[in-house]
Amino acid sequence: MNWKYEIIIYWSNEDSAFVAEIPELPGCMAHGETQSKALKSANEAIQLWLRTAQELGRVVPEPKGRKLLYA
């Protein structure tokens, strides 16, 4: 599966871990001891989120991506 959802990774003092959020998929997030582990977990979470949404017949949002504006 080829998806291009935005993933935001940040350090959480509360969790003592890196947190990876996928804003376009409500409730989809993951964490890891390192940024790379958080990213790997986020990609797994995206796959599970999409599969669950499809199984439940829910709408799967298209990745928005970034639009470049040229002057």
C-alpha atoms as a PDB file:
ATOM      1  CA  MET A   1       0.000   0.000   0.000  1.00  0.00           C
ATOM      2  CA  ASN A   2       1.377   3.404  -0.947  1.00  0.00           C
ATOM      3  CA  TRP A   3       0.132   6.218   1.262  1.00  0.00           C
ATOM      4  CA  LYS A   4       1.498   9.691   1.791  1.00  0.00           C
ATOM      5  CA  TYR A   5      -0.002  10.930   5.010  1.00  0.00           C
ATOM      6  CA  GLU A   6       1.741  13.604   7.046  1.00  0.00           C
ATOM      7  CA  ILE A   7       3.477  12.279  10.172  1.00  0.00           C
ATOM      8  CA  ILE A   8       4.465  14.673  12.944  1.00  0.00           C
ATOM      9  CA  ILE A   9       7.075  13.376  15.402  1.00  0.00           C
ATOM     10  CA  TYR A  10       7.871  15.110  18.683  1.00  0.00           C
ATOM     11  CA  TRP A  11       9.322  14.308  22.100  1.00  0.00           C
ATOM     12  CA  SER A  12       6.841  13.892  24.962  1.00  0.00           C
ATOM     13  CA  ASN A  13       8.201  14.423  28.474  1.00  0.00           C
ATOM     14  CA  GLU A  14       4.954  13.000  29.846  1.00  0.00           C
ATOM     15  CA  ASP A  15       5.410   9.714  27.959  1.00  0.00           C
ATOM     16  CA  SER A  16       9.228   9.742  27.948  1.00  0.00           C
ATOM     17  CA  ALA A  17       9.066   8.777  24.295  1.00  0.00           C
ATOM     18  CA  PHE A  18       8.839  10.173  20.795  1.00  0.00           C
ATOM     19  CA  VAL A  19       5.219  10.497  19.686  1.00  0.00           C
ATOM     20  CA  ALA A  20       4.169  10.249  16.043  1.00  0.00           C
ATOM     21  CA  GLU A  21       0.798  11.738  15.104  1.00  0.00           C
ATOM     22  CA  ILE A  22      -0.992  11.345  11.781  1.00  0.00           C
ATOM     23  CA  PRO A  23      -3.332  14.368  11.765  1.00  0.00           C
ATOM     24  CA  GLU A  24      -5.351  13.327   8.711  1.00  0.00           C
ATOM     25  CA  LEU A  25      -6.390  10.044  10.367  1.00  0.00           C
ATOM     26  CA  PRO A  26      -8.315  10.854  13.573  1.00  0.00           C
ATOM     27  CA  GLY A  27      -6.900   9.083  16.605  1.00  0.00           C
ATOM     28  CA  CYS A  28      -4.013   7.566  14.657  1.00  0.00           C
ATOM     29  CA  MET A  29      -0.753   7.900  16.558  1.00  0.00           C
ATOM     30  CA  ALA A  30       2.182   5.844  17.761  1.00  0.00           C
ATOM     31  CA  HIS A  31       5.310   6.190  19.865  1.00  0.00           C
ATOM     32  CA  GLY A  32       8.864   4.906  20.129  1.00  0.00           C
ATOM     33  CA  GLU A  33      12.112   5.191  22.056  1.00  0.00           C
ATOM     34  CA  THR A  34      13.724   6.909  19.054  1.00  0.00           C
ATOM     35  CA  GLN A  35      12.423   8.981  16.154  1.00  0.00           C
ATOM     36  CA  SER A  36      12.999   6.087  13.756  1.00  0.00           C
ATOM     37  CA  LYS A  37      11.110   3.650  15.996  1.00  0.00           C
ATOM     38  CA  ALA A  38       8.244   6.138  16.298  1.00  0.00           C
ATOM     39  CA  LEU A  39       8.167   6.473  12.499  1.00  0.00           C
ATOM     40  CA  LYS A  40       8.135   2.693  12.018  1.00  0.00           C
ATOM     41  CA  SER A  41       5.310   2.368  14.553  1.00  0.00           C
ATOM     42  CA  ALA A  42       3.426   5.214  12.836  1.00  0.00           C
ATOM     43  CA  ASN A  43       3.574   3.425   9.488  1.00  0.00           C
ATOM     44  CA  GLU A  44       2.201   0.280  11.135  1.00  0.00           C
ATOM     45  CA  ALA A  45      -0.535   2.353  12.807  1.00  0.00           C
ATOM     46  CA  ILE A  46      -1.494   3.903   9.455  1.00  0.00           C
ATOM     47  CA  GLN A  47      -1.807   0.459   7.886  1.00  0.00           C
ATOM     48  CA  LEU A  48      -4.004  -0.765  10.762  1.00  0.00           C
ATOM     49  CA  TRP A  49      -6.113   2.422  10.735  1.00  0.00           C
ATOM     50  CA  LEU A  50      -6.763   2.149   6.995  1.00  0.00           C
ATOM     51  CA  ARG A  51      -7.555  -1.566   7.127  1.00  0.00           C
ATOM     52  CA  THR A  52      -9.968  -1.082  10.049  1.00  0.00           C
ATOM     53  CA  ALA A  53     -11.700   1.853   8.329  1.00  0.00           C
ATOM     54  CA  GLN A  54     -12.174  -0.205   5.167  1.00  0.00           C
ATOM     55  CA  GLU A  55     -13.513  -3.195   7.129  1.00  0.00           C
ATOM     56  CA  LEU A  56     -16.025  -0.922   8.881  1.00  0.00           C
ATOM     57  CA  GLY A  57     -17.043   0.741   5.614  1.00  0.00           C
ATOM     58  CA  ARG A  58     -15.796   4.149   6.717  1.00  0.00           C
ATOM     59  CA  VAL A  59     -14.473   6.823   4.419  1.00  0.00           C
ATOM     60  CA  VAL A  60     -10.699   6.782   4.069  1.00  0.00           C
ATOM     61  CA  PRO A  61      -9.339  10.318   3.672  1.00  0.00           C
ATOM     62  CA  GLU A  62      -7.080  11.025   0.716  1.00  0.00           C
ATOM     63  CA  PRO A  63      -3.645  12.263   1.770  1.00  0.00           C
ATOM     64  CA  LYS A  64      -3.585  16.037   1.401  1.00  0.00           C
ATOM     65  CA  GLY A  65       0.122  16.517   0.938  1.00  0.00           C
ATOM     66  CA  ARG A  66       1.593  19.990   0.622  1.00  0.00           C
ATOM     67  CA  LYS A  67       0.850  22.286  -2.243  1.00  0.00           C
ATOM     68  CA  LEU A  68       3.677  24.478  -3.419  1.00  0.00           C
ATOM     69  CA  LEU A  69       2.807  28.009  -4.405  1.00  0.00           C
ATOM     70  CA  TYR A  70       5.006  29.739  -6.913  1.00  0.00           C
ATOM     71  CA  ALA A  71       5.178  33.516  -7.280  1.00  0.00           C
END
